[in-house]
N, C-alpha and C. Protein backbone atom coordinates (compact mmCIF):
# COMPACT_ATOMS: atom_id res chain seq x y z
N MET A 1 110.05 126.05 100.63
CA MET A 1 110.87 124.86 99.73
C MET A 1 111.47 123.77 100.92
N PHE A 2 111.39 124.67 102.29
CA PHE A 2 112.31 123.34 102.97
C PHE A 2 111.60 122.93 104.02
N LYS A 3 109.80 123.16 103.33
CA LYS A 3 108.58 122.21 104.32
C LYS A 3 109.03 121.16 104.50
N ASP A 4 108.23 120.13 105.78
CA ASP A 4 108.25 118.29 105.99
C ASP A 4 109.69 118.17 105.12
N LEU A 5 110.86 118.41 105.67
CA LEU A 5 111.71 117.54 105.15
C LEU A 5 112.33 116.82 106.67
N ASP A 6 112.66 115.09 105.78
CA ASP A 6 113.02 114.80 107.05
C ASP A 6 114.81 114.55 107.29
N TRP A 7 115.26 115.28 108.13
CA TRP A 7 116.56 115.68 107.82
C TRP A 7 117.72 114.80 108.74
N LYS A 8 116.34 114.52 109.53
CA LYS A 8 117.74 113.00 110.32
C LYS A 8 117.40 111.71 109.65
N GLY A 9 116.60 111.10 108.53
CA GLY A 9 116.70 110.18 107.66
C GLY A 9 117.66 110.91 106.55
N ALA A 10 117.49 111.98 106.18
CA ALA A 10 118.43 112.34 105.45
C ALA A 10 120.24 112.89 105.73
N LEU A 11 120.22 112.81 106.91
CA LEU A 11 121.43 112.88 107.73
C LEU A 11 122.30 111.64 107.79
N ARG A 12 121.07 110.56 107.90
CA ARG A 12 122.04 108.55 107.40
C ARG A 12 121.98 109.04 106.55
N ARG A 13 121.43 108.72 105.45
CA ARG A 13 121.05 108.46 104.08
C ARG A 13 122.98 109.04 103.74
N ALA A 14 122.98 110.26 103.82
CA ALA A 14 124.18 110.90 103.35
C ALA A 14 125.16 110.05 104.01
N ALA A 15 125.69 109.95 105.34
CA ALA A 15 126.40 109.24 105.94
C ALA A 15 126.83 108.06 105.22
N LEU A 16 125.68 107.17 105.15
CA LEU A 16 125.94 105.94 104.60
C LEU A 16 126.13 106.24 103.09
N THR A 17 126.05 107.25 102.35
CA THR A 17 126.54 106.66 100.42
C THR A 17 128.32 107.36 100.85
N VAL A 18 128.17 108.68 102.09
CA VAL A 18 129.68 109.30 101.81
C VAL A 18 130.44 107.69 102.18
N LEU A 19 129.99 107.17 103.63
CA LEU A 19 131.12 106.24 103.57
C LEU A 19 131.15 105.19 102.89
N ILE A 20 130.32 104.94 102.07
CA ILE A 20 130.25 104.00 100.42
C ILE A 20 131.57 105.13 99.55
N TYR A 21 131.56 105.63 99.56
CA TYR A 21 132.25 106.47 98.75
C TYR A 21 133.68 106.47 99.47
N LEU A 22 134.05 107.17 100.50
CA LEU A 22 135.50 106.63 101.34
C LEU A 22 135.78 105.50 101.06
N ALA A 23 135.06 104.26 101.51
CA ALA A 23 135.52 102.52 100.83
C ALA A 23 136.18 102.37 99.74
N LEU A 24 135.32 103.09 98.71
CA LEU A 24 135.45 102.99 97.24
C LEU A 24 136.79 103.44 97.27
N VAL A 25 136.97 104.77 97.41
CA VAL A 25 138.44 105.42 97.30
C VAL A 25 139.38 104.22 98.22
N TYR A 26 139.69 103.85 99.05
CA TYR A 26 140.31 103.09 99.76
C TYR A 26 140.59 101.92 99.13
N VAL A 27 139.55 101.56 98.98
CA VAL A 27 140.02 100.00 98.01
C VAL A 27 140.45 100.50 96.75
N LEU A 28 140.28 101.37 96.09
CA LEU A 28 140.83 101.79 95.22
C LEU A 28 142.78 102.31 95.20
N ASN A 29 142.57 102.90 96.01
CA ASN A 29 143.85 103.33 96.88
C ASN A 29 144.50 101.87 96.94
N VAL A 30 143.98 101.21 97.61
CA VAL A 30 145.00 100.11 97.94
C VAL A 30 145.30 99.31 97.16
N ALA A 31 144.38 99.28 96.36
CA ALA A 31 144.04 97.98 94.31
C ALA A 31 145.54 98.95 93.43
N LEU A 32 145.16 100.27 93.55
CA LEU A 32 146.37 100.58 91.89
C LEU A 32 146.86 101.87 93.14
N PRO A 33 147.95 101.60 93.94
CA PRO A 33 148.36 102.65 94.97
C PRO A 33 148.55 103.97 93.83
N GLY A 34 148.66 105.05 95.05
CA GLY A 34 148.78 106.16 93.49
C GLY A 34 147.67 106.53 93.19
N SER A 35 146.62 106.23 93.24
CA SER A 35 145.06 106.43 92.14
C SER A 35 144.84 107.48 92.84
N ALA A 36 144.54 107.86 94.48
CA ALA A 36 144.09 108.40 94.67
C ALA A 36 145.13 109.67 94.91
N THR A 37 144.63 111.13 95.01
CA THR A 37 145.39 112.69 95.17
C THR A 37 145.70 112.28 96.12
N GLY A 38 144.71 112.40 97.76
CA GLY A 38 145.35 112.67 99.03
C GLY A 38 144.71 112.58 99.63
N ILE A 39 145.08 112.21 101.26
CA ILE A 39 143.81 112.99 102.20
C ILE A 39 143.00 113.82 102.27
N VAL A 40 143.85 114.79 102.34
CA VAL A 40 142.55 116.84 102.55
C VAL A 40 141.91 116.21 100.87
N PRO A 41 142.57 116.42 100.07
CA PRO A 41 140.75 116.60 98.90
C PRO A 41 140.13 115.19 98.88
N THR A 42 140.76 113.45 99.44
CA THR A 42 139.41 113.37 99.18
C THR A 42 138.81 113.26 100.66
N VAL A 43 138.80 113.79 101.79
CA VAL A 43 137.97 114.42 102.83
C VAL A 43 137.36 115.41 102.76
N ILE A 44 137.92 116.55 101.78
CA ILE A 44 136.74 117.53 100.90
C ILE A 44 136.22 117.41 99.98
N ASN A 45 136.32 116.85 99.23
CA ASN A 45 135.27 115.59 98.59
C ASN A 45 134.41 115.11 99.75
N ALA A 46 134.62 114.23 100.45
CA ALA A 46 133.24 113.83 101.11
C ALA A 46 132.33 114.56 102.21
N ALA A 47 133.55 115.88 102.24
CA ALA A 47 132.44 117.03 102.66
C ALA A 47 131.29 117.63 101.77
N ILE A 48 132.23 117.91 100.75
CA ILE A 48 131.31 118.48 99.61
C ILE A 48 130.08 117.30 99.35
N LEU A 49 130.25 116.40 99.23
CA LEU A 49 129.43 115.04 98.89
C LEU A 49 128.20 115.33 99.49
N PHE A 50 128.81 114.91 100.95
CA PHE A 50 127.64 115.32 101.96
C PHE A 50 126.69 115.86 102.24
N VAL A 51 127.16 117.01 102.10
CA VAL A 51 126.04 117.97 102.01
C VAL A 51 125.51 118.37 100.94
N ILE A 52 125.39 117.66 99.72
CA ILE A 52 124.39 117.74 98.53
C ILE A 52 123.79 116.68 98.32
N PHE A 53 124.64 115.40 98.94
CA PHE A 53 123.63 114.32 98.80
C PHE A 53 122.45 114.28 100.49
N THR A 54 122.92 115.23 101.87
CA THR A 54 122.03 115.38 102.44
C THR A 54 120.25 116.17 101.94
N PHE A 55 121.05 117.23 101.00
CA PHE A 55 119.81 117.78 100.12
C PHE A 55 118.14 116.76 99.45
N PHE A 56 119.81 116.25 98.52
CA PHE A 56 118.92 114.86 97.45
C PHE A 56 118.27 114.06 98.45
N HIS A 57 119.05 113.49 99.44
CA HIS A 57 118.31 112.53 100.17
C HIS A 57 116.73 113.11 100.64
N ALA A 58 116.60 114.84 101.37
CA ALA A 58 115.88 114.81 101.85
C ALA A 58 114.95 115.09 101.17
N PHE A 59 115.05 115.89 100.10
CA PHE A 59 114.06 116.73 98.85
C PHE A 59 113.38 114.46 98.05
N VAL A 60 114.30 113.78 98.32
CA VAL A 60 113.72 112.26 97.46
C VAL A 60 112.68 112.08 98.34
N GLU A 61 113.06 111.53 99.69
CA GLU A 61 112.03 111.80 100.71
C GLU A 61 110.93 112.10 100.78
N ARG A 62 110.88 113.67 100.91
CA ARG A 62 109.79 114.14 100.83
C ARG A 62 108.61 113.79 99.67
N ARG A 63 108.99 113.67 98.36
CA ARG A 63 108.61 113.77 97.40
C ARG A 63 107.96 111.78 97.10
N LYS A 64 108.60 111.47 97.86
CA LYS A 64 108.22 109.78 97.96
C LYS A 64 107.03 109.93 99.61
N LYS A 65 107.29 110.54 100.05
CA LYS A 65 106.01 110.82 101.04
C LYS A 65 104.52 111.58 100.25
N ARG A 66 104.75 112.13 99.95
CA ARG A 66 103.84 113.26 98.89
C ARG A 66 102.98 112.55 98.36
N GLN A 67 104.16 111.72 97.47
CA GLN A 67 103.25 110.97 96.17
C GLN A 67 102.00 109.50 97.07
N ARG A 68 103.10 108.86 97.72
CA ARG A 68 102.01 107.59 98.92
C ARG A 68 101.03 108.65 99.16
N ALA A 69 101.20 109.63 100.60
CA ALA A 69 99.54 110.59 100.78
C ALA A 69 99.10 110.73 99.15
N ALA A 70 99.26 111.39 98.72
CA ALA A 70 98.27 111.49 97.30
C ALA A 70 97.27 110.67 96.60
N LEU A 71 98.42 108.91 96.60
CA LEU A 71 97.92 107.41 96.49
C LEU A 71 96.83 107.27 97.66
N ARG A 72 97.19 107.52 98.83
CA ARG A 72 96.18 106.69 99.85
C ARG A 72 94.99 106.83 99.60
N PRO A 73 94.40 108.63 99.70
CA PRO A 73 93.38 108.41 99.35
C PRO A 73 92.44 107.89 97.94
N GLN A 74 92.76 107.95 96.94
CA GLN A 74 92.60 107.27 96.05
C GLN A 74 92.22 105.83 96.09
N GLU A 75 93.32 105.34 96.48
CA GLU A 75 93.08 103.80 97.11
C GLU A 75 91.98 103.55 97.71
N LYS A 76 91.60 103.99 98.98
CA LYS A 76 90.13 103.64 99.27
C LYS A 76 89.48 104.53 98.80
N GLY A 77 89.23 105.24 97.91
CA GLY A 77 87.87 105.56 97.49
C GLY A 77 87.36 104.15 96.63
N GLU A 78 88.72 103.77 95.96
CA GLU A 78 87.95 102.58 94.91
C GLU A 78 87.67 101.95 95.65
N LYS A 79 88.59 101.35 96.88
CA LYS A 79 88.15 100.40 97.23
C LYS A 79 86.24 100.34 98.08
N THR A 80 85.76 101.29 98.70
CA THR A 80 84.87 101.69 99.48
C THR A 80 83.56 102.14 98.15
N LYS A 81 84.08 102.56 96.87
CA LYS A 81 82.91 102.66 96.04
C LYS A 81 82.45 101.47 94.81
N ASN A 82 83.50 100.01 95.29
CA ASN A 82 82.90 99.29 94.49
C ASN A 82 82.59 98.57 95.23
N ARG A 83 82.26 98.64 96.39
CA ARG A 83 82.17 97.91 97.51
C ARG A 83 80.72 98.49 98.86
N PRO A 84 79.94 97.44 98.76
CA PRO A 84 78.65 98.12 100.20
C PRO A 84 79.78 98.04 101.75
N VAL A 85 79.20 99.42 102.38
CA VAL A 85 80.07 99.26 103.32
C VAL A 85 79.61 97.92 104.32
N ALA A 86 78.71 97.86 104.47
CA ALA A 86 77.91 96.59 104.98
C ALA A 86 77.99 94.97 104.39
N ALA A 87 78.35 94.32 103.75
CA ALA A 87 79.11 93.70 103.61
C ALA A 87 78.74 92.29 104.19
N THR A 88 77.66 91.11 103.29
CA THR A 88 77.69 90.37 103.89
C THR A 88 78.42 88.91 103.36
N ALA A 89 78.87 87.66 103.87
CA ALA A 89 79.32 86.45 103.32
C ALA A 89 78.84 86.08 101.58
N THR A 90 77.99 86.11 102.01
CA THR A 90 76.42 85.75 100.43
C THR A 90 77.35 87.08 99.74
N ASP A 91 77.14 88.24 99.93
CA ASP A 91 77.88 89.19 98.99
C ASP A 91 78.97 89.44 98.72
N ASP A 92 79.85 88.10 99.20
CA ASP A 92 80.95 88.29 98.71
C ASP A 92 81.06 86.85 97.91
N GLU A 93 79.94 85.87 97.94
CA GLU A 93 80.41 85.12 97.21
C GLU A 93 79.72 85.08 95.88
N ASP A 94 78.35 86.09 95.56
CA ASP A 94 77.72 86.88 94.50
C ASP A 94 78.47 87.74 94.23
N ASP A 95 79.48 88.21 93.95
CA ASP A 95 80.59 89.43 93.87
C ASP A 95 81.91 88.60 93.10
N GLU A 96 82.25 87.07 93.40
CA GLU A 96 82.45 86.51 93.21
C GLU A 96 82.22 85.66 91.98
N ALA A 97 80.60 85.21 91.59
CA ALA A 97 80.15 84.33 90.47
C ALA A 97 80.43 85.70 89.14
N ALA A 98 79.80 86.50 90.19
CA ALA A 98 78.80 87.56 88.83
C ALA A 98 80.49 88.56 88.49
N PRO A 99 80.53 88.69 87.10
CA PRO A 99 81.47 89.73 86.70
C PRO A 99 80.96 91.21 87.24
N SER A 100 82.01 91.73 87.71
CA SER A 100 81.99 93.34 87.49
C SER A 100 81.80 93.85 86.65
N LYS A 101 80.63 95.37 86.65
CA LYS A 101 80.79 95.92 86.13
C LYS A 101 81.37 96.82 85.29
N ASP A 102 82.36 97.15 86.18
CA ASP A 102 84.02 98.07 86.07
C ASP A 102 84.87 97.19 84.79
N PHE A 103 84.46 95.95 85.06
CA PHE A 103 85.65 94.48 84.07
C PHE A 103 84.94 94.91 82.49
N LYS A 104 86.25 95.61 82.23
CA LYS A 104 86.15 95.58 80.76
C LYS A 104 86.73 94.11 79.90
N GLY A 105 86.85 94.31 78.85
CA GLY A 105 86.99 92.92 78.71
C GLY A 105 86.67 91.62 78.55
N ARG A 106 87.00 90.42 78.05
CA ARG A 106 86.54 89.43 77.67
C ARG A 106 86.93 88.46 79.59
N GLN A 107 86.04 87.37 79.80
CA GLN A 107 86.18 86.72 80.70
C GLN A 107 86.82 85.73 80.54
N ASN A 108 87.57 85.00 81.78
CA ASN A 108 89.02 84.50 81.57
C ASN A 108 88.76 82.85 81.09
N PRO A 109 88.95 82.45 80.14
CA PRO A 109 88.83 81.12 79.43
C PRO A 109 89.56 80.11 80.15
N ASN A 110 90.30 80.67 81.43
CA ASN A 110 91.32 79.84 81.76
C ASN A 110 90.19 79.03 82.91
N THR A 111 89.75 79.39 83.46
CA THR A 111 89.16 79.13 84.48
C THR A 111 88.43 77.93 85.32
N SER A 112 87.65 77.72 83.89
CA SER A 112 87.22 75.98 84.28
C SER A 112 88.72 74.83 83.76
N ARG A 113 89.22 75.24 83.80
CA ARG A 113 90.54 74.23 83.01
C ARG A 113 91.20 74.41 84.52
N LYS A 114 91.11 75.83 85.11
CA LYS A 114 91.70 75.27 86.66
C LYS A 114 91.12 74.45 87.67
N LYS A 115 89.75 75.04 87.75
CA LYS A 115 89.42 73.75 88.43
C LYS A 115 88.90 72.90 88.23
N ALA A 116 89.32 72.59 86.99
CA ALA A 116 89.25 70.84 86.64
C ALA A 116 90.19 70.48 86.83
N SER A 117 91.84 71.12 87.17
CA SER A 117 92.91 70.42 87.85
C SER A 117 92.85 70.66 88.96
N ARG A 118 92.38 71.01 90.01
CA ARG A 118 92.42 71.41 91.27
C ARG A 118 90.94 69.86 91.65
N ARG A 119 90.00 69.36 90.87
CA ARG A 119 89.31 68.19 91.05
C ARG A 119 90.68 67.11 90.80
N ARG A 120 91.54 67.69 90.02
CA ARG A 120 91.65 65.37 89.87
C ARG A 120 93.47 65.42 90.89
N ARG A 121 93.69 66.75 91.28
CA ARG A 121 94.48 66.44 92.55
C ARG A 121 93.79 65.28 93.49
């Protein structure tokens, strides 16, 4: 469960989150004097939040890394599947002119207008 967790990054993010919390409590106490309960309960709340946010950020970052790792091979597989390994410049020009076999739907009817406007410039 705790495998591959980035504790260093999680601690940094949790510290930043708790600092933002403490700054907001300070601003609230300055704007509305007496609204905060006191220093000791605020510090206890900040310590509890720090622990909670450390675990939260560690698990969120691990999930992001796993999702990126899962998507990376799929993207590479699609790129290599559509295009031959040793492609030349003439192959690239032919691929642009001819529609892809995987393309579904109609061709874009606006392409000729775009080319005509480029010629007028």
